[in-house]
Amino acid sequence: RFVIKAQIHAGGRGKAGGVKLAHTVEEVRA
């Protein structure tokens, strides 16, 4: 499993869709 986290200078990313969980490499890509 992977966590994809948008890198910006601001908090609140998780609630805004900037942190996603992926189970495959293809999900990481998407």
PDB file of all heavy atoms in Angstrom:
ATOM      1  N   ARG A   1       0.841  -1.195   0.000  1.00  0.00           N
ATOM      2  CA  ARG A   1       0.000   0.000   0.000  1.00  0.00           C
ATOM      3  C   ARG A   1       0.876   1.245   0.000  1.00  0.00           C
ATOM      4  O   ARG A   1       1.992   1.233   0.531  1.00  0.00           O
ATOM      5  CB  ARG A   1      -0.928   0.039   1.221  1.00  0.00           C
ATOM      6  CG  ARG A   1      -2.005  -1.027   1.231  1.00  0.00           C
ATOM      7  CD  ARG A   1      -2.856  -0.892   2.476  1.00  0.00           C
ATOM      8  NE  ARG A   1      -2.028  -0.999   3.682  1.00  0.00           N
ATOM      9  CZ  ARG A   1      -2.317  -0.420   4.846  1.00  0.00           C
ATOM     10  NH1 ARG A   1      -3.405   0.337   4.954  1.00  0.00           N
ATOM     11  NH2 ARG A   1      -1.537  -0.577   5.890  1.00  0.00           N
ATOM     12  N   PHE A   2       0.351   2.301  -0.605  1.00  0.00           N
ATOM     13  CA  PHE A   2       1.117   3.537  -0.737  1.00  0.00           C
ATOM     14  C   PHE A   2       0.264   4.727  -0.305  1.00  0.00           C
ATOM     15  O   PHE A   2      -0.965   4.698  -0.409  1.00  0.00           O
ATOM     16  CB  PHE A   2       1.565   3.758  -2.185  1.00  0.00           C
ATOM     17  CG  PHE A   2       2.267   2.593  -2.805  1.00  0.00           C
ATOM     18  CD1 PHE A   2       1.553   1.608  -3.492  1.00  0.00           C
ATOM     19  CD2 PHE A   2       3.641   2.460  -2.716  1.00  0.00           C
ATOM     20  CE1 PHE A   2       2.185   0.537  -4.068  1.00  0.00           C
ATOM     21  CE2 PHE A   2       4.297   1.380  -3.292  1.00  0.00           C
ATOM     22  CZ  PHE A   2       3.564   0.412  -3.967  1.00  0.00           C
ATOM     23  N   VAL A   3       0.942   5.777   0.145  1.00  0.00           N
ATOM     24  CA  VAL A   3       0.274   7.047   0.417  1.00  0.00           C
ATOM     25  C   VAL A   3       0.842   8.079  -0.545  1.00  0.00           C
ATOM     26  O   VAL A   3       2.071   8.210  -0.674  1.00  0.00           O
ATOM     27  CB  VAL A   3       0.496   7.509   1.869  1.00  0.00           C
ATOM     28  CG1 VAL A   3      -0.190   8.853   2.098  1.00  0.00           C
ATOM     29  CG2 VAL A   3      -0.042   6.479   2.843  1.00  0.00           C
ATOM     30  N   ILE A   4      -0.035   8.793  -1.242  1.00  0.00           N
ATOM     31  CA  ILE A   4       0.367   9.839  -2.173  1.00  0.00           C
ATOM     32  C   ILE A   4      -0.045  11.175  -1.563  1.00  0.00           C
ATOM     33  O   ILE A   4      -1.231  11.402  -1.296  1.00  0.00           O
ATOM     34  CB  ILE A   4      -0.289   9.665  -3.561  1.00  0.00           C
ATOM     35  CG1 ILE A   4       0.063   8.296  -4.135  1.00  0.00           C
ATOM     36  CG2 ILE A   4       0.165  10.768  -4.511  1.00  0.00           C
ATOM     37  CD1 ILE A   4      -0.952   7.218  -3.798  1.00  0.00           C
ATOM     38  N   LYS A   5       0.932  12.068  -1.341  1.00  0.00           N
ATOM     39  CA  LYS A   5       0.679  13.314  -0.612  1.00  0.00           C
ATOM     40  C   LYS A   5       1.119  14.513  -1.449  1.00  0.00           C
ATOM     41  O   LYS A   5       2.291  14.638  -1.810  1.00  0.00           O
ATOM     42  CB  LYS A   5       1.430  13.300   0.725  1.00  0.00           C
ATOM     43  CG  LYS A   5       1.170  12.036   1.536  1.00  0.00           C
ATOM     44  CD  LYS A   5       1.979  11.977   2.807  1.00  0.00           C
ATOM     45  CE  LYS A   5       1.353  12.807   3.899  1.00  0.00           C
ATOM     46  NZ  LYS A   5       2.061  12.620   5.198  1.00  0.00           N
ATOM     47  N   ALA A   6       0.176  15.374  -1.779  1.00  0.00           N
ATOM     48  CA  ALA A   6       0.494  16.607  -2.512  1.00  0.00           C
ATOM     49  C   ALA A   6       1.429  17.471  -1.667  1.00  0.00           C
ATOM     50  O   ALA A   6       1.232  17.626  -0.462  1.00  0.00           O
ATOM     51  CB  ALA A   6      -0.784  17.368  -2.833  1.00  0.00           C
ATOM     52  N   GLN A   7       2.441  18.045  -2.305  1.00  0.00           N
ATOM     53  CA  GLN A   7       3.420  18.866  -1.598  1.00  0.00           C
ATOM     54  C   GLN A   7       3.177  20.345  -1.898  1.00  0.00           C
ATOM     55  O   GLN A   7       3.534  20.854  -2.961  1.00  0.00           O
ATOM     56  CB  GLN A   7       4.833  18.454  -1.999  1.00  0.00           C
ATOM     57  CG  GLN A   7       5.181  17.019  -1.642  1.00  0.00           C
ATOM     58  CD  GLN A   7       5.162  16.771  -0.152  1.00  0.00           C
ATOM     59  OE1 GLN A   7       6.067  17.174   0.572  1.00  0.00           O
ATOM     60  NE2 GLN A   7       4.120  16.099   0.331  1.00  0.00           N
ATOM     61  N   ILE A   8       2.536  21.013  -0.943  1.00  0.00           N
ATOM     62  CA  ILE A   8       2.322  22.454  -1.019  1.00  0.00           C
ATOM     63  C   ILE A   8       2.581  23.042   0.360  1.00  0.00           C
ATOM     64  O   ILE A   8       2.569  22.321   1.358  1.00  0.00           O
ATOM     65  CB  ILE A   8       0.890  22.821  -1.478  1.00  0.00           C
ATOM     66  CG1 ILE A   8      -0.154  22.249  -0.502  1.00  0.00           C
ATOM     67  CG2 ILE A   8       0.629  22.337  -2.902  1.00  0.00           C
ATOM     68  CD1 ILE A   8      -1.566  22.728  -0.761  1.00  0.00           C
ATOM     69  N   HIS A   9       2.810  24.349   0.412  1.00  0.00           N
ATOM     70  CA  HIS A   9       3.028  25.018   1.689  1.00  0.00           C
ATOM     71  C   HIS A   9       1.690  25.423   2.303  1.00  0.00           C
ATOM     72  O   HIS A   9       1.347  26.593   2.405  1.00  0.00           O
ATOM     73  CB  HIS A   9       3.910  26.251   1.504  1.00  0.00           C
ATOM     74  CG  HIS A   9       5.342  25.927   1.222  1.00  0.00           C
ATOM     75  ND1 HIS A   9       6.295  26.895   1.012  1.00  0.00           N
ATOM     76  CD2 HIS A   9       5.998  24.741   1.127  1.00  0.00           C
ATOM     77  CE1 HIS A   9       7.471  26.315   0.784  1.00  0.00           C
ATOM     78  NE2 HIS A   9       7.301  25.008   0.848  1.00  0.00           N
ATOM     79  N   ALA A  10       0.918  24.437   2.707  1.00  0.00           N
ATOM     80  CA  ALA A  10      -0.374  24.699   3.346  1.00  0.00           C
ATOM     81  C   ALA A  10      -0.839  23.431   4.025  1.00  0.00           C
ATOM     82  O   ALA A  10      -0.562  22.312   3.556  1.00  0.00           O
ATOM     83  CB  ALA A  10      -1.415  25.173   2.333  1.00  0.00           C
ATOM     84  N   GLY A  11      -1.543  23.601   5.136  1.00  0.00           N
ATOM     85  CA  GLY A  11      -2.112  22.464   5.833  1.00  0.00           C
ATOM     86  C   GLY A  11      -3.510  22.156   5.330  1.00  0.00           C
ATOM     87  O   GLY A  11      -4.029  22.796   4.418  1.00  0.00           O
ATOM     88  N   GLY A  12      -4.122  21.148   5.929  1.00  0.00           N
ATOM     89  CA  GLY A  12      -5.469  20.761   5.546  1.00  0.00           C
ATOM     90  C   GLY A  12      -5.540  19.943   4.280  1.00  0.00           C
ATOM     91  O   GLY A  12      -6.613  19.818   3.673  1.00  0.00           O
ATOM     92  N   ARG A  13      -4.412  19.346   3.878  1.00  0.00           N
ATOM     93  CA  ARG A  13      -4.403  18.592   2.616  1.00  0.00           C
ATOM     94  C   ARG A  13      -5.289  17.361   2.669  1.00  0.00           C
ATOM     95  O   ARG A  13      -5.943  17.008   1.690  1.00  0.00           O
ATOM     96  CB  ARG A  13      -2.970  18.185   2.268  1.00  0.00           C
ATOM     97  CG  ARG A  13      -2.033  19.326   1.966  1.00  0.00           C
ATOM     98  CD  ARG A  13      -0.596  18.818   1.848  1.00  0.00           C
ATOM     99  NE  ARG A  13      -0.157  18.204   3.107  1.00  0.00           N
ATOM    100  CZ  ARG A  13       0.937  17.455   3.231  1.00  0.00           C
ATOM    101  NH1 ARG A  13       1.689  17.208   2.168  1.00  0.00           N
ATOM    102  NH2 ARG A  13       1.279  16.954   4.398  1.00  0.00           N
ATOM    103  N   GLY A  14      -5.289  16.688   3.831  1.00  0.00           N
ATOM    104  CA  GLY A  14      -6.048  15.448   3.932  1.00  0.00           C
ATOM    105  C   GLY A  14      -7.525  15.640   3.689  1.00  0.00           C
ATOM    106  O   GLY A  14      -8.160  14.859   2.969  1.00  0.00           O
ATOM    107  N   LYS A  15      -8.085  16.704   4.266  1.00  0.00           N
ATOM    108  CA  LYS A  15      -9.519  16.966   4.096  1.00  0.00           C
ATOM    109  C   LYS A  15      -9.853  17.481   2.705  1.00  0.00           C
ATOM    110  O   LYS A  15     -11.024  17.472   2.303  1.00  0.00           O
ATOM    111  CB  LYS A  15      -9.983  17.977   5.139  1.00  0.00           C
ATOM    112  CG  LYS A  15      -9.999  17.448   6.566  1.00  0.00           C
ATOM    113  CD  LYS A  15     -10.565  18.484   7.517  1.00  0.00           C
ATOM    114  CE  LYS A  15     -10.681  17.941   8.931  1.00  0.00           C
ATOM    115  NZ  LYS A  15     -11.258  18.936   9.863  1.00  0.00           N
ATOM    116  N   ALA A  16      -8.830  17.954   1.970  1.00  0.00           N
ATOM    117  CA  ALA A  16      -9.070  18.554   0.654  1.00  0.00           C
ATOM    118  C   ALA A  16      -8.753  17.612  -0.501  1.00  0.00           C
ATOM    119  O   ALA A  16      -8.779  18.026  -1.662  1.00  0.00           O
ATOM    120  CB  ALA A  16      -8.238  19.834   0.520  1.00  0.00           C
ATOM    121  N   GLY A  17      -8.454  16.357  -0.204  1.00  0.00           N
ATOM    122  CA  GLY A  17      -8.145  15.405  -1.269  1.00  0.00           C
ATOM    123  C   GLY A  17      -6.697  15.397  -1.684  1.00  0.00           C
ATOM    124  O   GLY A  17      -6.351  14.814  -2.724  1.00  0.00           O
ATOM    125  N   GLY A  18      -5.833  16.017  -0.873  1.00  0.00           N
ATOM    126  CA  GLY A  18      -4.415  16.057  -1.210  1.00  0.00           C
ATOM    127  C   GLY A  18      -3.602  14.913  -0.645  1.00  0.00           C
ATOM    128  O   GLY A  18      -2.379  14.876  -0.806  1.00  0.00           O
ATOM    129  N   VAL A  19      -4.266  13.981   0.017  1.00  0.00           N
ATOM    130  CA  VAL A  19      -3.618  12.772   0.533  1.00  0.00           C
ATOM    131  C   VAL A  19      -4.486  11.586   0.146  1.00  0.00           C
ATOM    132  O   VAL A  19      -5.666  11.522   0.509  1.00  0.00           O
ATOM    133  CB  VAL A  19      -3.446  12.827   2.069  1.00  0.00           C
ATOM    134  CG1 VAL A  19      -2.801  11.530   2.567  1.00  0.00           C
ATOM    135  CG2 VAL A  19      -2.613  14.029   2.481  1.00  0.00           C
ATOM    136  N   LYS A  20      -3.913  10.651  -0.616  1.00  0.00           N
ATOM    137  CA  LYS A  20      -4.685   9.509  -1.104  1.00  0.00           C
ATOM    138  C   LYS A  20      -3.955   8.200  -0.813  1.00  0.00           C
ATOM    139  O   LYS A  20      -2.718   8.152  -0.789  1.00  0.00           O
ATOM    140  CB  LYS A  20      -4.936   9.636  -2.609  1.00  0.00           C
ATOM    141  CG  LYS A  20      -5.837  10.818  -2.992  1.00  0.00           C
ATOM    142  CD  LYS A  20      -6.122  10.838  -4.474  1.00  0.00           C
ATOM    143  CE  LYS A  20      -7.016  12.022  -4.848  1.00  0.00           C
ATOM    144  NZ  LYS A  20      -8.366  11.885  -4.265  1.00  0.00           N
ATOM    145  N   LEU A  21      -4.733   7.160  -0.617  1.00  0.00           N
ATOM    146  CA  LEU A  21      -4.196   5.821  -0.383  1.00  0.00           C
ATOM    147  C   LEU A  21      -4.316   5.004  -1.663  1.00  0.00           C
ATOM    148  O   LEU A  21      -5.334   5.065  -2.346  1.00  0.00           O
ATOM    149  CB  LEU A  21      -4.977   5.140   0.743  1.00  0.00           C
ATOM    150  CG  LEU A  21      -4.493   3.758   1.187  1.00  0.00           C
ATOM    151  CD1 LEU A  21      -3.108   3.855   1.818  1.00  0.00           C
ATOM    152  CD2 LEU A  21      -5.496   3.138   2.166  1.00  0.00           C
ATOM    153  N   ALA A  22      -3.261   4.261  -1.986  1.00  0.00           N
ATOM    154  CA  ALA A  22      -3.267   3.429  -3.191  1.00  0.00           C
ATOM    155  C   ALA A  22      -2.795   2.019  -2.839  1.00  0.00           C
ATOM    156  O   ALA A  22      -1.918   1.846  -1.986  1.00  0.00           O
ATOM    157  CB  ALA A  22      -2.364   4.031  -4.265  1.00  0.00           C
ATOM    158  N   HIS A  23      -3.384   1.030  -3.499  1.00  0.00           N
ATOM    159  CA  HIS A  23      -3.028  -0.363  -3.234  1.00  0.00           C
ATOM    160  C   HIS A  23      -2.165  -0.962  -4.331  1.00  0.00           C
ATOM    161  O   HIS A  23      -1.585  -2.040  -4.145  1.00  0.00           O
ATOM    162  CB  HIS A  23      -4.293  -1.212  -3.061  1.00  0.00           C
ATOM    163  CG  HIS A  23      -5.107  -0.840  -1.865  1.00  0.00           C
ATOM    164  ND1 HIS A  23      -6.005   0.208  -1.869  1.00  0.00           N
ATOM    165  CD2 HIS A  23      -5.143  -1.370  -0.603  1.00  0.00           C
ATOM    166  CE1 HIS A  23      -6.574   0.309  -0.677  1.00  0.00           C
ATOM    167  NE2 HIS A  23      -6.066  -0.626   0.110  1.00  0.00           N
ATOM    168  N   THR A  24      -2.088  -0.298  -5.468  1.00  0.00           N
ATOM    169  CA  THR A  24      -1.285  -0.791  -6.580  1.00  0.00           C
ATOM    170  C   THR A  24      -0.513   0.358  -7.207  1.00  0.00           C
ATOM    171  O   THR A  24      -0.824   1.538  -6.977  1.00  0.00           O
ATOM    172  CB  THR A  24      -2.179  -1.431  -7.664  1.00  0.00           C
ATOM    173  OG1 THR A  24      -2.993  -0.401  -8.259  1.00  0.00           O
ATOM    174  CG2 THR A  24      -3.064  -2.528  -7.075  1.00  0.00           C
ATOM    175  N   VAL A  25       0.456  -0.001  -8.019  1.00  0.00           N
ATOM    176  CA  VAL A  25       1.236   1.007  -8.730  1.00  0.00           C
ATOM    177  C   VAL A  25       0.351   1.793  -9.685  1.00  0.00           C
ATOM    178  O   VAL A  25       0.515   3.008  -9.854  1.00  0.00           O
ATOM    179  CB  VAL A  25       2.408   0.340  -9.489  1.00  0.00           C
ATOM    180  CG1 VAL A  25       3.115   1.358 -10.379  1.00  0.00           C
ATOM    181  CG2 VAL A  25       3.400  -0.273  -8.506  1.00  0.00           C
ATOM    182  N   GLU A  26      -0.618   1.130 -10.289  1.00  0.00           N
ATOM    183  CA  GLU A  26      -1.526   1.824 -11.200  1.00  0.00           C
ATOM    184  C   GLU A  26      -2.392   2.838 -10.461  1.00  0.00           C
ATOM    185  O   GLU A  26      -2.702   3.912 -10.991  1.00  0.00           O
ATOM    186  CB  GLU A  26      -2.395   0.822 -11.957  1.00  0.00           C
ATOM    187  CG  GLU A  26      -1.657   0.068 -13.052  1.00  0.00           C
ATOM    188  CD  GLU A  26      -0.946   1.015 -14.014  1.00  0.00           C
ATOM    189  OE1 GLU A  26      -1.606   1.960 -14.516  1.00  0.00           O
ATOM    190  OE2 GLU A  26       0.259   0.831 -14.245  1.00  0.00           O
ATOM    191  N   GLU A  27      -2.776   2.518  -9.234  1.00  0.00           N
ATOM    192  CA  GLU A  27      -3.526   3.483  -8.435  1.00  0.00           C
ATOM    193  C   GLU A  27      -2.644   4.671  -8.055  1.00  0.00           C
ATOM    194  O   GLU A  27      -3.120   5.802  -7.961  1.00  0.00           O
ATOM    195  CB  GLU A  27      -4.093   2.805  -7.184  1.00  0.00           C
ATOM    196  CG  GLU A  27      -5.234   1.852  -7.473  1.00  0.00           C
ATOM    197  CD  GLU A  27      -5.820   1.242  -6.214  1.00  0.00           C
ATOM    198  OE1 GLU A  27      -5.411   1.650  -5.098  1.00  0.00           O
ATOM    199  OE2 GLU A  27      -6.688   0.356  -6.330  1.00  0.00           O
ATOM    200  N   VAL A  28      -1.350   4.414  -7.833  1.00  0.00           N
ATOM    201  CA  VAL A  28      -0.401   5.504  -7.597  1.00  0.00           C
ATOM    202  C   VAL A  28      -0.338   6.409  -8.814  1.00  0.00           C
ATOM    203  O   VAL A  28      -0.351   7.640  -8.702  1.00  0.00           O
ATOM    204  CB  VAL A  28       1.003   4.947  -7.271  1.00  0.00           C
ATOM    205  CG1 VAL A  28       2.040   6.073  -7.252  1.00  0.00           C
ATOM    206  CG2 VAL A  28       0.998   4.210  -5.942  1.00  0.00           C
ATOM    207  N   ARG A  29      -0.283   5.798  -9.985  1.00  0.00           N
ATOM    208  CA  ARG A  29      -0.248   6.560 -11.226  1.00  0.00           C
ATOM    209  C   ARG A  29      -1.484   7.458 -11.347  1.00  0.00           C
ATOM    210  O   ARG A  29      -1.381   8.653 -11.639  1.00  0.00           O
ATOM    211  CB  ARG A  29      -0.171   5.612 -12.429  1.00  0.00           C
ATOM    212  CG  ARG A  29      -0.125   6.330 -13.784  1.00  0.00           C
ATOM    213  CD  ARG A  29      -0.362   5.349 -14.936  1.00  0.00           C
ATOM    214  NE  ARG A  29       0.668   4.328 -14.982  1.00  0.00           N
ATOM    215  CZ  ARG A  29       1.833   4.476 -15.605  1.00  0.00           C
ATOM    216  NH1 ARG A  29       2.114   5.623 -16.229  1.00  0.00           N
ATOM    217  NH2 ARG A  29       2.718   3.493 -15.606  1.00  0.00           N
ATOM    218  N   ALA A  30      -2.653   6.882 -11.114  1.00  0.00           N
ATOM    219  CA  ALA A  30      -3.903   7.633 -11.268  1.00  0.00           C
ATOM    220  C   ALA A  30      -3.999   8.763 -10.245  1.00  0.00           C
ATOM    221  O   ALA A  30      -4.390   9.892 -10.577  1.00  0.00           O
ATOM    222  CB  ALA A  30      -5.091   6.682 -11.132  1.00  0.00           C
TER     223      ALA A  30
END
